[in-house]
C-alpha atoms as a PDB file:
ATOM      1  CA  MET A   1     -89.550  75.218  20.518  1.00  0.00           C
ATOM      2  CA  THR A   2     -92.239  72.706  19.731  1.00  0.00           C
ATOM      3  CA  VAL A   3     -95.341  72.965  21.686  1.00  0.00           C
ATOM      4  CA  ILE A   4     -97.074  69.346  23.039  1.00  0.00           C
ATOM      5  CA  SER A   5     -99.869  68.977  25.077  1.00  0.00           C
ATOM      6  CA  ILE A   6    -100.202  66.273  28.071  1.00  0.00           C
ATOM      7  CA  SER A   7    -103.183  65.121  30.001  1.00  0.00           C
ATOM      8  CA  LEU A   8    -102.448  64.774  33.730  1.00  0.00           C
ATOM      9  CA  PRO A   9    -104.912  63.841  36.700  1.00  0.00           C
ATOM     10  CA  ASP A  10    -105.241  66.520  39.311  1.00  0.00           C
ATOM     11  CA  ALA A  11    -103.490  65.081  41.885  1.00  0.00           C
ATOM     12  CA  LEU A  12    -100.223  64.907  39.515  1.00  0.00           C
ATOM     13  CA  VAL A  13    -100.668  68.164  38.441  1.00  0.00           C
ATOM     14  CA  GLU A  14    -100.888  69.446  42.269  1.00  0.00           C
ATOM     15  CA  LYS A  15     -97.421  67.368  43.132  1.00  0.00           C
ATOM     16  CA  LEU A  16     -95.765  69.173  39.759  1.00  0.00           C
ATOM     17  CA  ASP A  17     -96.593  72.581  41.166  1.00  0.00           C
ATOM     18  CA  LYS A  18     -95.278  71.975  44.470  1.00  0.00           C
ATOM     19  CA  LEU A  19     -92.215  70.423  42.938  1.00  0.00           C
ATOM     20  CA  VAL A  20     -91.561  73.168  40.496  1.00  0.00           C
ATOM     21  CA  GLU A  21     -91.875  75.608  43.544  1.00  0.00           C
ATOM     22  CA  GLU A  22     -89.508  73.781  45.817  1.00  0.00           C
ATOM     23  CA  ARG A  23     -86.840  73.095  43.318  1.00  0.00           C
ATOM     24  CA  GLY A  24     -87.032  76.874  41.924  1.00  0.00           C
ATOM     25  CA  TYR A  25     -88.111  75.789  38.456  1.00  0.00           C
ATOM     26  CA  TYR A  26     -89.038  78.588  35.963  1.00  0.00           C
ATOM     27  CA  SER A  27     -92.257  77.040  34.845  1.00  0.00           C
ATOM     28  CA  ARG A  28     -94.127  73.277  34.774  1.00  0.00           C
ATOM     29  CA  SER A  29     -92.677  72.967  31.306  1.00  0.00           C
ATOM     30  CA  GLU A  30     -89.539  73.419  32.601  1.00  0.00           C
ATOM     31  CA  ALA A  31     -89.578  70.848  35.510  1.00  0.00           C
ATOM     32  CA  ILE A  32     -91.162  68.290  32.782  1.00  0.00           C
ATOM     33  CA  ARG A  33     -88.656  68.897  30.512  1.00  0.00           C
ATOM     34  CA  ASP A  34     -85.913  68.137  33.050  1.00  0.00           C
ATOM     35  CA  ALA A  35     -87.415  64.777  34.031  1.00  0.00           C
ATOM     36  CA  LEU A  36     -87.641  63.709  30.450  1.00  0.00           C
ATOM     37  CA  ARG A  37     -84.132  64.509  29.952  1.00  0.00           C
ATOM     38  CA  SER A  38     -83.257  61.982  32.689  1.00  0.00           C
ATOM     39  CA  LEU A  39     -85.688  59.699  31.072  1.00  0.00           C
ATOM     40  CA  VAL A  40     -83.992  59.950  27.810  1.00  0.00           C
ATOM     41  CA  SER A  41     -80.528  59.647  29.105  1.00  0.00           C
ATOM     42  CA  GLU A  42     -81.397  56.367  30.540  1.00  0.00           C
ATOM     43  CA  ALA A  43     -83.219  54.876  27.512  1.00  0.00           C
ATOM     44  CA  GLU A  44     -79.954  55.721  25.557  1.00  0.00           C
ATOM     45  CA  MET A  45     -77.789  54.221  28.208  1.00  0.00           C
ATOM     46  CA  ALA A  46     -79.698  51.086  27.430  1.00  0.00           C
ATOM     47  CA  ARG A  47     -79.507  51.461  23.747  1.00  0.00           C
ATOM     48  CA  GLU A  48     -75.867  51.989  23.279  1.00  0.00           C
ATOM     49  CA  VAL A  49     -73.560  48.695  23.180  1.00  0.00           C
ATOM     50  CA  HIS A  50     -71.875  48.453  26.330  1.00  0.00           C
ATOM     51  CA  ASP A  51     -70.459  45.242  27.537  1.00  0.00           C
ATOM     52  CA  LYS A  52     -70.050  46.016  31.399  1.00  0.00           C
ATOM     53  CA  ALA A  53     -71.811  48.671  33.649  1.00  0.00           C
ATOM     54  CA  ALA A  54     -71.905  49.252  37.252  1.00  0.00           C
ATOM     55  CA  GLY A  55     -74.384  50.864  39.174  1.00  0.00           C
ATOM     56  CA  VAL A  56     -76.974  52.020  41.575  1.00  0.00           C
ATOM     57  CA  ILE A  57     -80.819  50.414  41.711  1.00  0.00           C
ATOM     58  CA  MET A  58     -83.150  51.866  44.376  1.00  0.00           C
ATOM     59  CA  VAL A  59     -86.662  50.173  44.646  1.00  0.00           C
ATOM     60  CA  THR A  60     -89.318  51.919  46.825  1.00  0.00           C
ATOM     61  CA  CYS A  61     -92.301  49.440  48.059  1.00  0.00           C
ATOM     62  CA  PRO A  62     -95.049  49.345  50.441  1.00  0.00           C
ATOM     63  CA  TYR A  63     -93.688  47.943  53.929  1.00  0.00           C
ATOM     64  CA  GLU A  64     -97.114  46.060  54.244  1.00  0.00           C
ATOM     65  CA  ARG A  65     -96.784  43.896  50.766  1.00  0.00           C
ATOM     66  CA  LYS A  66     -94.761  41.125  51.913  1.00  0.00           C
ATOM     67  CA  ASP A  67     -94.998  39.558  48.628  1.00  0.00           C
ATOM     68  CA  VAL A  68     -93.203  42.230  46.840  1.00  0.00           C
ATOM     69  CA  ASP A  69     -90.329  41.392  49.386  1.00  0.00           C
ATOM     70  CA  TYR A  70     -90.265  37.875  48.451  1.00  0.00           C
ATOM     71  CA  LYS A  71     -90.496  38.607  44.978  1.00  0.00           C
ATOM     72  CA  ILE A  72     -87.360  41.218  45.031  1.00  0.00           C
ATOM     73  CA  THR A  73     -85.566  38.611  46.980  1.00  0.00           C
ATOM     74  CA  LYS A  74     -86.130  35.612  44.525  1.00  0.00           C
ATOM     75  CA  ILE A  75     -84.927  38.461  41.591  1.00  0.00           C
ATOM     76  CA  ARG A  76     -81.770  39.127  43.958  1.00  0.00           C
ATOM     77  CA  HIS A  77     -80.989  35.536  43.943  1.00  0.00           C
ATOM     78  CA  GLU A  78     -81.930  34.914  40.188  1.00  0.00           C
ATOM     79  CA  PHE A  79     -79.401  37.948  39.171  1.00  0.00           C
ATOM     80  CA  ASP A  80     -76.688  37.035  41.755  1.00  0.00           C
ATOM     81  CA  ASP A  81     -74.370  37.248  38.907  1.00  0.00           C
ATOM     82  CA  VAL A  82     -74.588  40.923  38.909  1.00  0.00           C
ATOM     83  CA  VAL A  83     -76.320  41.987  42.123  1.00  0.00           C
ATOM     84  CA  VAL A  84     -72.951  42.734  44.119  1.00  0.00           C
ATOM     85  CA  GLU A  85     -74.538  44.105  47.313  1.00  0.00           C
ATOM     86  CA  ASN A  86     -78.260  44.580  48.494  1.00  0.00           C
ATOM     87  CA  VAL A  87     -79.361  46.698  51.364  1.00  0.00           C
ATOM     88  CA  HIS A  88     -82.975  46.509  52.615  1.00  0.00           C
ATOM     89  CA  ARG A  89     -84.350  49.463  54.729  1.00  0.00           C
ATOM     90  CA  HIS A  90     -87.622  49.972  56.532  1.00  0.00           C
ATOM     91  CA  VAL A  91     -88.580  53.848  56.593  1.00  0.00           C
ATOM     92  CA  GLY A  92     -91.260  54.053  59.812  1.00  0.00           C
ATOM     93  CA  ASN A  93     -94.031  51.184  58.718  1.00  0.00           C
ATOM     94  CA  ARG A  94     -94.977  52.746  56.109  1.00  0.00           C
ATOM     95  CA  TYR A  95     -92.275  51.639  53.391  1.00  0.00           C
ATOM     96  CA  CYS A  96     -89.430  49.163  52.063  1.00  0.00           C
ATOM     97  CA  ILE A  97     -86.278  50.752  50.231  1.00  0.00           C
ATOM     98  CA  GLU A  98     -84.053  48.155  48.456  1.00  0.00           C
ATOM     99  CA  ILE A  99     -80.862  49.317  47.324  1.00  0.00           C
ATOM    100  CA  PHE A 100     -78.750  47.247  44.603  1.00  0.00           C
ATOM    101  CA  ILE A 101     -75.301  47.528  44.089  1.00  0.00           C
ATOM    102  CA  VAL A 102     -74.686  46.140  40.668  1.00  0.00           C
ATOM    103  CA  GLU A 103     -71.417  45.698  38.120  1.00  0.00           C
ATOM    104  CA  GLY A 104     -71.485  43.082  35.133  1.00  0.00           C
ATOM    105  CA  GLU A 105     -72.818  42.493  31.661  1.00  0.00           C
ATOM    106  CA  THR A 106     -74.984  45.472  30.480  1.00  0.00           C
ATOM    107  CA  SER A 107     -77.980  43.320  29.230  1.00  0.00           C
ATOM    108  CA  ARG A 108     -77.968  41.171  32.600  1.00  0.00           C
ATOM    109  CA  ILE A 109     -78.265  44.430  34.782  1.00  0.00           C
ATOM    110  CA  LEU A 110     -81.144  45.759  32.315  1.00  0.00           C
ATOM    111  CA  SER A 111     -82.705  42.767  32.812  1.00  0.00           C
ATOM    112  CA  VAL A 112     -82.930  42.985  36.527  1.00  0.00           C
ATOM    113  CA  LEU A 113     -84.465  46.790  36.158  1.00  0.00           C
ATOM    114  CA  GLY A 114     -87.107  45.875  33.820  1.00  0.00           C
ATOM    115  CA  ARG A 115     -88.156  42.471  36.337  1.00  0.00           C
ATOM    116  CA  LEU A 116     -87.791  45.418  38.900  1.00  0.00           C
ATOM    117  CA  ARG A 117     -89.946  47.691  37.213  1.00  0.00           C
ATOM    118  CA  GLY A 118     -92.465  45.074  36.128  1.00  0.00           C
ATOM    119  CA  MET A 119     -93.301  44.223  39.631  1.00  0.00           C
ATOM    120  CA  ARG A 120     -96.987  44.874  40.713  1.00  0.00           C
ATOM    121  CA  GLY A 121     -96.653  46.717  44.389  1.00  0.00           C
ATOM    122  CA  VAL A 122     -93.517  48.788  43.781  1.00  0.00           C
ATOM    123  CA  TYR A 123     -93.725  52.264  44.223  1.00  0.00           C
ATOM    124  CA  GLN A 124     -90.980  53.627  42.400  1.00  0.00           C
ATOM    125  CA  VAL A 125     -87.633  52.066  40.289  1.00  0.00           C
ATOM    126  CA  LYS A 126     -84.802  54.356  40.351  1.00  0.00           C
ATOM    127  CA  SER A 127     -81.145  53.723  38.778  1.00  0.00           C
ATOM    128  CA  ILE A 128     -77.757  55.055  38.006  1.00  0.00           C
ATOM    129  CA  LEU A 129     -75.984  53.317  35.603  1.00  0.00           C
ATOM    130  CA  LEU A 130     -72.248  53.808  34.046  1.00  0.00           C
ATOM    131  CA  PRO A 131     -70.767  52.060  30.918  1.00  0.00           C
ATOM    132  CA  LEU A 132     -67.006  50.186  31.896  1.00  0.00           C
END
């Protein structure tokens, strides 16, 4: 097995260590390998040629950033050909969660993902896509 080195901020290492303990990973390396498998799997899905896909996209952002909410709404309208459903939830007074159910042309869905990931003020964008 190849050994690689990475540099991480102390705060991220603390979170990684907590994750390793909570999820029962054997080591930091095991947790990082698991995360990389997910990332690589998503990238491979994006590269494969599938005319159509369906899935879920979840976005988290700060509650106080109304500009982010407005930008997400614009994207939802721009991609209404693939956004089948959208749920917006407040989690306390701290976070907003947007859940998109998508179905349609894979290239359009990947465009939605790219736009959401590139948006300032978004904490995380997670997706699960299935080729049709």
